[in-house]
Amino acid sequence: MAQLGLARTLPGDGDAQAAATAYDALLAGWTAADGDLGVLQSARNERQRISRQAGRLDVMKKAAELARQERTADR
């Protein structure tokens, strides 16, 4: 349960990659658990949400970098 708490805390700290790693470690340790277990379903859903957020952040970072490069090139 501590691993789940860590995984839930990290996105708030802005570290989506560390959160994803924490969720992966949690889910890897629970492979034999009942798939209908509520906390396990929640953890899987939260992991998927983190992946989507991380993907959007990557796109935003790339767009910001391209905009910065264009501004630099215009000078």
PDB file of N, CA and C in Angstrom:
ATOM      1  N   MET A   1       0.821  -1.192   0.000  1.00  0.00           N
ATOM      2  CA  MET A   1       0.000   0.000   0.000  1.00  0.00           C
ATOM      3  C   MET A   1       0.868   1.260   0.000  1.00  0.00           C
ATOM      4  N   ALA A   2       2.062   1.162   0.591  1.00  0.00           N
ATOM      5  CA  ALA A   2       2.966   2.318   0.596  1.00  0.00           C
ATOM      6  C   ALA A   2       3.382   2.661  -0.829  1.00  0.00           C
ATOM      7  N   GLN A   3       3.587   1.637  -1.652  1.00  0.00           N
ATOM      8  CA  GLN A   3       3.970   1.862  -3.052  1.00  0.00           C
ATOM      9  C   GLN A   3       2.858   2.603  -3.790  1.00  0.00           C
ATOM     10  N   LEU A   4       1.625   2.271  -3.500  1.00  0.00           N
ATOM     11  CA  LEU A   4       0.496   2.962  -4.115  1.00  0.00           C
ATOM     12  C   LEU A   4       0.453   4.419  -3.661  1.00  0.00           C
ATOM     13  N   GLY A   5       0.695   4.657  -2.387  1.00  0.00           N
ATOM     14  CA  GLY A   5       0.733   6.025  -1.878  1.00  0.00           C
ATOM     15  C   GLY A   5       1.822   6.842  -2.565  1.00  0.00           C
ATOM     16  N   LEU A   6       2.988   6.237  -2.752  1.00  0.00           N
ATOM     17  CA  LEU A   6       4.078   6.914  -3.452  1.00  0.00           C
ATOM     18  C   LEU A   6       3.678   7.228  -4.884  1.00  0.00           C
ATOM     19  N   ALA A   7       3.121   6.250  -5.565  1.00  0.00           N
ATOM     20  CA  ALA A   7       2.715   6.443  -6.958  1.00  0.00           C
ATOM     21  C   ALA A   7       1.677   7.553  -7.083  1.00  0.00           C
ATOM     22  N   ARG A   8       0.793   7.649  -6.119  1.00  0.00           N
ATOM     23  CA  ARG A   8      -0.247   8.683  -6.159  1.00  0.00           C
ATOM     24  C   ARG A   8       0.308  10.064  -5.832  1.00  0.00           C
ATOM     25  N   THR A   9       1.383  10.129  -5.083  1.00  0.00           N
ATOM     26  CA  THR A   9       1.966  11.407  -4.681  1.00  0.00           C
ATOM     27  C   THR A   9       2.824  12.026  -5.782  1.00  0.00           C
ATOM     28  N   LEU A  10       3.551  11.222  -6.522  1.00  0.00           N
ATOM     29  CA  LEU A  10       4.532  11.724  -7.481  1.00  0.00           C
ATOM     30  C   LEU A  10       3.966  12.603  -8.595  1.00  0.00           C
ATOM     31  N   PRO A  11       2.786  12.315  -9.154  1.00  0.00           N
ATOM     32  CA  PRO A  11       2.286  13.219 -10.198  1.00  0.00           C
ATOM     33  C   PRO A  11       2.071  14.640  -9.695  1.00  0.00           C
ATOM     34  N   GLY A  12       1.665  14.776  -8.455  1.00  0.00           N
ATOM     35  CA  GLY A  12       1.480  16.095  -7.865  1.00  0.00           C
ATOM     36  C   GLY A  12       2.781  16.847  -7.735  1.00  0.00           C
ATOM     37  N   ASP A  13       3.870  16.105  -7.662  1.00  0.00           N
ATOM     38  CA  ASP A  13       5.199  16.708  -7.606  1.00  0.00           C
ATOM     39  C   ASP A  13       5.721  17.034  -8.998  1.00  0.00           C
ATOM     40  N   GLY A  14       4.940  16.707 -10.027  1.00  0.00           N
ATOM     41  CA  GLY A  14       5.338  17.000 -11.402  1.00  0.00           C
ATOM     42  C   GLY A  14       6.253  15.964 -12.012  1.00  0.00           C
ATOM     43  N   ASP A  15       6.359  14.804 -11.407  1.00  0.00           N
ATOM     44  CA  ASP A  15       7.258  13.768 -11.910  1.00  0.00           C
ATOM     45  C   ASP A  15       6.451  12.589 -12.435  1.00  0.00           C
ATOM     46  N   ALA A  16       5.923  12.748 -13.641  1.00  0.00           N
ATOM     47  CA  ALA A  16       5.070  11.711 -14.224  1.00  0.00           C
ATOM     48  C   ALA A  16       5.853  10.435 -14.491  1.00  0.00           C
ATOM     49  N   GLN A  17       7.119  10.558 -14.903  1.00  0.00           N
ATOM     50  CA  GLN A  17       7.913   9.364 -15.188  1.00  0.00           C
ATOM     51  C   GLN A  17       8.149   8.541 -13.922  1.00  0.00           C
ATOM     52  N   ALA A  18       8.472   9.208 -12.829  1.00  0.00           N
ATOM     53  CA  ALA A  18       8.673   8.494 -11.560  1.00  0.00           C
ATOM     54  C   ALA A  18       7.363   7.869 -11.087  1.00  0.00           C
ATOM     55  N   ALA A  19       6.249   8.565 -11.297  1.00  0.00           N
ATOM     56  CA  ALA A  19       4.950   8.013 -10.921  1.00  0.00           C
ATOM     57  C   ALA A  19       4.645   6.766 -11.742  1.00  0.00           C
ATOM     58  N   ALA A  20       4.908   6.829 -13.043  1.00  0.00           N
ATOM     59  CA  ALA A  20       4.672   5.668 -13.902  1.00  0.00           C
ATOM     60  C   ALA A  20       5.521   4.482 -13.446  1.00  0.00           C
ATOM     61  N   THR A  21       6.772   4.747 -13.095  1.00  0.00           N
ATOM     62  CA  THR A  21       7.661   3.689 -12.616  1.00  0.00           C
ATOM     63  C   THR A  21       7.137   3.096 -11.307  1.00  0.00           C
ATOM     64  N   ALA A  22       6.647   3.942 -10.425  1.00  0.00           N
ATOM     65  CA  ALA A  22       6.103   3.457  -9.156  1.00  0.00           C
ATOM     66  C   ALA A  22       4.854   2.608  -9.382  1.00  0.00           C
ATOM     67  N   TYR A  23       3.980   3.050 -10.289  1.00  0.00           N
ATOM     68  CA  TYR A  23       2.797   2.246 -10.609  1.00  0.00           C
ATOM     69  C   TYR A  23       3.207   0.915 -11.234  1.00  0.00           C
ATOM     70  N   ASP A  24       4.186   0.947 -12.127  1.00  0.00           N
ATOM     71  CA  ASP A  24       4.638  -0.298 -12.751  1.00  0.00           C
ATOM     72  C   ASP A  24       5.168  -1.280 -11.718  1.00  0.00           C
ATOM     73  N   ALA A  25       5.950  -0.775 -10.759  1.00  0.00           N
ATOM     74  CA  ALA A  25       6.480  -1.638  -9.699  1.00  0.00           C
ATOM     75  C   ALA A  25       5.342  -2.215  -8.861  1.00  0.00           C
ATOM     76  N   LEU A  26       4.373  -1.388  -8.541  1.00  0.00           N
ATOM     77  CA  LEU A  26       3.220  -1.846  -7.774  1.00  0.00           C
ATOM     78  C   LEU A  26       2.467  -2.938  -8.528  1.00  0.00           C
ATOM     79  N   LEU A  27       2.163  -2.678  -9.783  1.00  0.00           N
ATOM     80  CA  LEU A  27       1.387  -3.632 -10.571  1.00  0.00           C
ATOM     81  C   LEU A  27       2.163  -4.919 -10.824  1.00  0.00           C
ATOM     82  N   ALA A  28       3.484  -4.817 -10.978  1.00  0.00           N
ATOM     83  CA  ALA A  28       4.305  -6.018 -11.172  1.00  0.00           C
ATOM     84  C   ALA A  28       4.268  -6.904  -9.924  1.00  0.00           C
ATOM     85  N   GLY A  29       4.214  -6.287  -8.772  1.00  0.00           N
ATOM     86  CA  GLY A  29       4.151  -7.055  -7.526  1.00  0.00           C
ATOM     87  C   GLY A  29       2.790  -7.658  -7.251  1.00  0.00           C
ATOM     88  N   TRP A  30       1.786  -7.184  -7.938  1.00  0.00           N
ATOM     89  CA  TRP A  30       0.429  -7.652  -7.706  1.00  0.00           C
ATOM     90  C   TRP A  30      -0.104  -8.496  -8.863  1.00  0.00           C
ATOM     91  N   THR A  31       0.769  -9.123  -9.618  1.00  0.00           N
ATOM     92  CA  THR A  31       0.323  -9.894 -10.786  1.00  0.00           C
ATOM     93  C   THR A  31      -0.567 -11.067 -10.405  1.00  0.00           C
ATOM     94  N   ALA A  32      -0.385 -11.619  -9.212  1.00  0.00           N
ATOM     95  CA  ALA A  32      -1.184 -12.762  -8.788  1.00  0.00           C
ATOM     96  C   ALA A  32      -2.460 -12.349  -8.063  1.00  0.00           C
ATOM     97  N   ALA A  33      -2.666 -11.049  -7.904  1.00  0.00           N
ATOM     98  CA  ALA A  33      -3.846 -10.569  -7.169  1.00  0.00           C
ATOM     99  C   ALA A  33      -5.113 -10.741  -8.009  1.00  0.00           C
ATOM    100  N   ASP A  34      -6.226 -10.804  -7.326  1.00  0.00           N
ATOM    101  CA  ASP A  34      -7.529 -10.882  -7.979  1.00  0.00           C
ATOM    102  C   ASP A  34      -7.732  -9.636  -8.831  1.00  0.00           C
ATOM    103  N   GLY A  35      -7.968  -9.804 -10.119  1.00  0.00           N
ATOM    104  CA  GLY A  35      -8.133  -8.687 -11.047  1.00  0.00           C
ATOM    105  C   GLY A  35      -9.328  -7.801 -10.732  1.00  0.00           C
ATOM    106  N   ASP A  36     -10.273  -8.312  -9.962  1.00  0.00           N
ATOM    107  CA  ASP A  36     -11.455  -7.527  -9.603  1.00  0.00           C
ATOM    108  C   ASP A  36     -11.250  -6.712  -8.327  1.00  0.00           C
ATOM    109  N   LEU A  37     -10.089  -6.823  -7.723  1.00  0.00           N
ATOM    110  CA  LEU A  37      -9.791  -6.079  -6.504  1.00  0.00           C
ATOM    111  C   LEU A  37      -9.846  -4.582  -6.802  1.00  0.00           C
ATOM    112  N   GLY A  38     -10.661  -3.870  -6.053  1.00  0.00           N
ATOM    113  CA  GLY A  38     -10.906  -2.460  -6.327  1.00  0.00           C
ATOM    114  C   GLY A  38      -9.649  -1.609  -6.357  1.00  0.00           C
ATOM    115  N   VAL A  39      -8.762  -1.808  -5.396  1.00  0.00           N
ATOM    116  CA  VAL A  39      -7.551  -0.995  -5.342  1.00  0.00           C
ATOM    117  C   VAL A  39      -6.644  -1.294  -6.539  1.00  0.00           C
ATOM    118  N   LEU A  40      -6.651  -2.525  -6.995  1.00  0.00           N
ATOM    119  CA  LEU A  40      -5.850  -2.898  -8.166  1.00  0.00           C
ATOM    120  C   LEU A  40      -6.430  -2.264  -9.432  1.00  0.00           C
ATOM    121  N   GLN A  41      -7.740  -2.287  -9.575  1.00  0.00           N
ATOM    122  CA  GLN A  41      -8.376  -1.628 -10.720  1.00  0.00           C
ATOM    123  C   GLN A  41      -8.094  -0.131 -10.706  1.00  0.00           C
ATOM    124  N   SER A  42      -8.158   0.475  -9.545  1.00  0.00           N
ATOM    125  CA  SER A  42      -7.865   1.908  -9.418  1.00  0.00           C
ATOM    126  C   SER A  42      -6.424   2.197  -9.827  1.00  0.00           C
ATOM    127  N   ALA A  43      -5.501   1.377  -9.371  1.00  0.00           N
ATOM    128  CA  ALA A  43      -4.085   1.573  -9.699  1.00  0.00           C
ATOM    129  C   ALA A  43      -3.862   1.448 -11.204  1.00  0.00           C
ATOM    130  N   ARG A  44      -4.508   0.486 -11.834  1.00  0.00           N
ATOM    131  CA  ARG A  44      -4.371   0.337 -13.298  1.00  0.00           C
ATOM    132  C   ARG A  44      -4.910   1.574 -14.019  1.00  0.00           C
ATOM    133  N   ASN A  45      -6.066   2.044 -13.587  1.00  0.00           N
ATOM    134  CA  ASN A  45      -6.662   3.235 -14.210  1.00  0.00           C
ATOM    135  C   ASN A  45      -5.789   4.466 -14.008  1.00  0.00           C
ATOM    136  N   GLU A  46      -5.251   4.600 -12.807  1.00  0.00           N
ATOM    137  CA  GLU A  46      -4.380   5.745 -12.514  1.00  0.00           C
ATOM    138  C   GLU A  46      -3.113   5.682 -13.358  1.00  0.00           C
ATOM    139  N   ARG A  47      -2.571   4.486 -13.553  1.00  0.00           N
ATOM    140  CA  ARG A  47      -1.363   4.308 -14.376  1.00  0.00           C
ATOM    141  C   ARG A  47      -1.642   4.734 -15.817  1.00  0.00           C
ATOM    142  N   GLN A  48      -2.782   4.363 -16.342  1.00  0.00           N
ATOM    143  CA  GLN A  48      -3.155   4.754 -17.707  1.00  0.00           C
ATOM    144  C   GLN A  48      -3.296   6.268 -17.806  1.00  0.00           C
ATOM    145  N   ARG A  49      -3.888   6.885 -16.805  1.00  0.00           N
ATOM    146  CA  ARG A  49      -4.053   8.339 -16.804  1.00  0.00           C
ATOM    147  C   ARG A  49      -2.684   9.031 -16.790  1.00  0.00           C
ATOM    148  N   ILE A  50      -1.764   8.516 -15.995  1.00  0.00           N
ATOM    149  CA  ILE A  50      -0.416   9.079 -15.923  1.00  0.00           C
ATOM    150  C   ILE A  50       0.261   8.985 -17.293  1.00  0.00           C
ATOM    151  N   SER A  51       0.085   7.878 -17.975  1.00  0.00           N
ATOM    152  CA  SER A  51       0.686   7.714 -19.308  1.00  0.00           C
ATOM    153  C   SER A  51       0.146   8.751 -20.278  1.00  0.00           C
ATOM    154  N   ARG A  52      -1.150   8.979 -20.249  1.00  0.00           N
ATOM    155  CA  ARG A  52      -1.749   9.984 -21.147  1.00  0.00           C
ATOM    156  C   ARG A  52      -1.241  11.379 -20.809  1.00  0.00           C
ATOM    157  N   GLN A  53      -1.155  11.682 -19.517  1.00  0.00           N
ATOM    158  CA  GLN A  53      -0.658  12.999 -19.098  1.00  0.00           C
ATOM    159  C   GLN A  53       0.791  13.190 -19.503  1.00  0.00           C
ATOM    160  N   ALA A  54       1.595  12.161 -19.329  1.00  0.00           N
ATOM    161  CA  ALA A  54       3.010  12.251 -19.686  1.00  0.00           C
ATOM    162  C   ALA A  54       3.153  12.472 -21.188  1.00  0.00           C
ATOM    163  N   GLY A  55       2.312  11.818 -21.977  1.00  0.00           N
ATOM    164  CA  GLY A  55       2.352  12.009 -23.427  1.00  0.00           C
ATOM    165  C   GLY A  55       2.002  13.437 -23.810  1.00  0.00           C
ATOM    166  N   ARG A  56       1.000  14.006 -23.154  1.00  0.00           N
ATOM    167  CA  ARG A  56       0.626  15.396 -23.439  1.00  0.00           C
ATOM    168  C   ARG A  56       1.731  16.350 -23.018  1.00  0.00           C
ATOM    169  N   LEU A  57       2.366  16.078 -21.884  1.00  0.00           N
ATOM    170  CA  LEU A  57       3.460  16.936 -21.432  1.00  0.00           C
ATOM    171  C   LEU A  57       4.628  16.886 -22.404  1.00  0.00           C
ATOM    172  N   ASP A  58       4.926  15.704 -22.944  1.00  0.00           N
ATOM    173  CA  ASP A  58       6.006  15.587 -23.921  1.00  0.00           C
ATOM    174  C   ASP A  58       5.706  16.426 -25.158  1.00  0.00           C
ATOM    175  N   VAL A  59       4.474  16.384 -25.623  1.00  0.00           N
ATOM    176  CA  VAL A  59       4.077  17.167 -26.792  1.00  0.00           C
ATOM    177  C   VAL A  59       4.209  18.655 -26.502  1.00  0.00           C
ATOM    178  N   MET A  60       3.775  19.069 -25.317  1.00  0.00           N
ATOM    179  CA  MET A  60       3.859  20.486 -24.955  1.00  0.00           C
ATOM    180  C   MET A  60       5.322  20.937 -24.845  1.00  0.00           C
ATOM    181  N   LYS A  61       6.175  20.090 -24.284  1.00  0.00           N
ATOM    182  CA  LYS A  61       7.595  20.432 -24.167  1.00  0.00           C
ATOM    183  C   LYS A  61       8.230  20.566 -25.543  1.00  0.00           C
ATOM    184  N   LYS A  62       7.895  19.654 -26.453  1.00  0.00           N
ATOM    185  CA  LYS A  62       8.446  19.714 -27.808  1.00  0.00           C
ATOM    186  C   LYS A  62       7.979  20.961 -28.526  1.00  0.00           C
ATOM    187  N   ALA A  63       6.713  21.309 -28.367  1.00  0.00           N
ATOM    188  CA  ALA A  63       6.185  22.521 -29.004  1.00  0.00           C
ATOM    189  C   ALA A  63       6.874  23.765 -28.456  1.00  0.00           C
ATOM    190  N   ALA A  64       7.092  23.809 -27.164  1.00  0.00           N
ATOM    191  CA  ALA A  64       7.775  24.956 -26.556  1.00  0.00           C
ATOM    192  C   ALA A  64       9.208  25.048 -27.052  1.00  0.00           C
ATOM    193  N   GLU A  65       9.882  23.919 -27.186  1.00  0.00           N
ATOM    194  CA  GLU A  65      11.256  23.911 -27.685  1.00  0.00           C
ATOM    195  C   GLU A  65      11.313  24.391 -29.135  1.00  0.00           C
ATOM    196  N   LEU A  66      10.364  23.944 -29.960  1.00  0.00           N
ATOM    197  CA  LEU A  66      10.323  24.399 -31.355  1.00  0.00           C
ATOM    198  C   LEU A  66      10.066  25.902 -31.432  1.00  0.00           C
ATOM    199  N   ALA A  67       9.177  26.409 -30.614  1.00  0.00           N
ATOM    200  CA  ALA A  67       8.896  27.829 -30.599  1.00  0.00           C
ATOM    201  C   ALA A  67      10.127  28.618 -30.168  1.00  0.00           C
ATOM    202  N   ARG A  68      10.850  28.098 -29.191  1.00  0.00           N
ATOM    203  CA  ARG A  68      12.079  28.766 -28.743  1.00  0.00           C
ATOM    204  C   ARG A  68      13.122  28.770 -29.849  1.00  0.00           C
ATOM    205  N   GLN A  69      13.237  27.672 -30.547  1.00  0.00           N
ATOM    206  CA  GLN A  69      14.200  27.586 -31.654  1.00  0.00           C
ATOM    207  C   GLN A  69      13.834  28.558 -32.771  1.00  0.00           C
ATOM    208  N   GLU A  70      12.549  28.690 -33.059  1.00  0.00           N
ATOM    209  CA  GLU A  70      12.103  29.625 -34.103  1.00  0.00           C
ATOM    210  C   GLU A  70      12.396  31.070 -33.703  1.00  0.00           C
ATOM    211  N   ARG A  71      12.158  31.389 -32.445  1.00  0.00           N
ATOM    212  CA  ARG A  71      12.467  32.749 -31.972  1.00  0.00           C
ATOM    213  C   ARG A  71      13.950  33.041 -32.073  1.00  0.00           C
ATOM    214  N   THR A  72      14.766  32.064 -31.724  1.00  0.00           N
ATOM    215  CA  THR A  72      16.224  32.209 -31.784  1.00  0.00           C
ATOM    216  C   THR A  72      16.682  32.376 -33.236  1.00  0.00           C
ATOM    217  N   ALA A  73      16.081  31.628 -34.136  1.00  0.00           N
ATOM    218  CA  ALA A  73      16.461  31.686 -35.550  1.00  0.00           C
ATOM    219  C   ALA A  73      16.055  33.022 -36.168  1.00  0.00           C
ATOM    220  N   ASP A  74      14.985  33.643 -35.680  1.00  0.00           N
ATOM    221  CA  ASP A  74      14.511  34.913 -36.230  1.00  0.00           C
ATOM    222  C   ASP A  74      15.404  36.080 -35.835  1.00  0.00           C
ATOM    223  N   ARG A  75      16.243  35.894 -34.856  1.00  0.00           N
ATOM    224  CA  ARG A  75      17.091  37.000 -34.380  1.00  0.00           C
ATOM    225  C   ARG A  75      18.268  37.195 -35.238  1.00  0.00           C
TER     226      ARG A  75
END
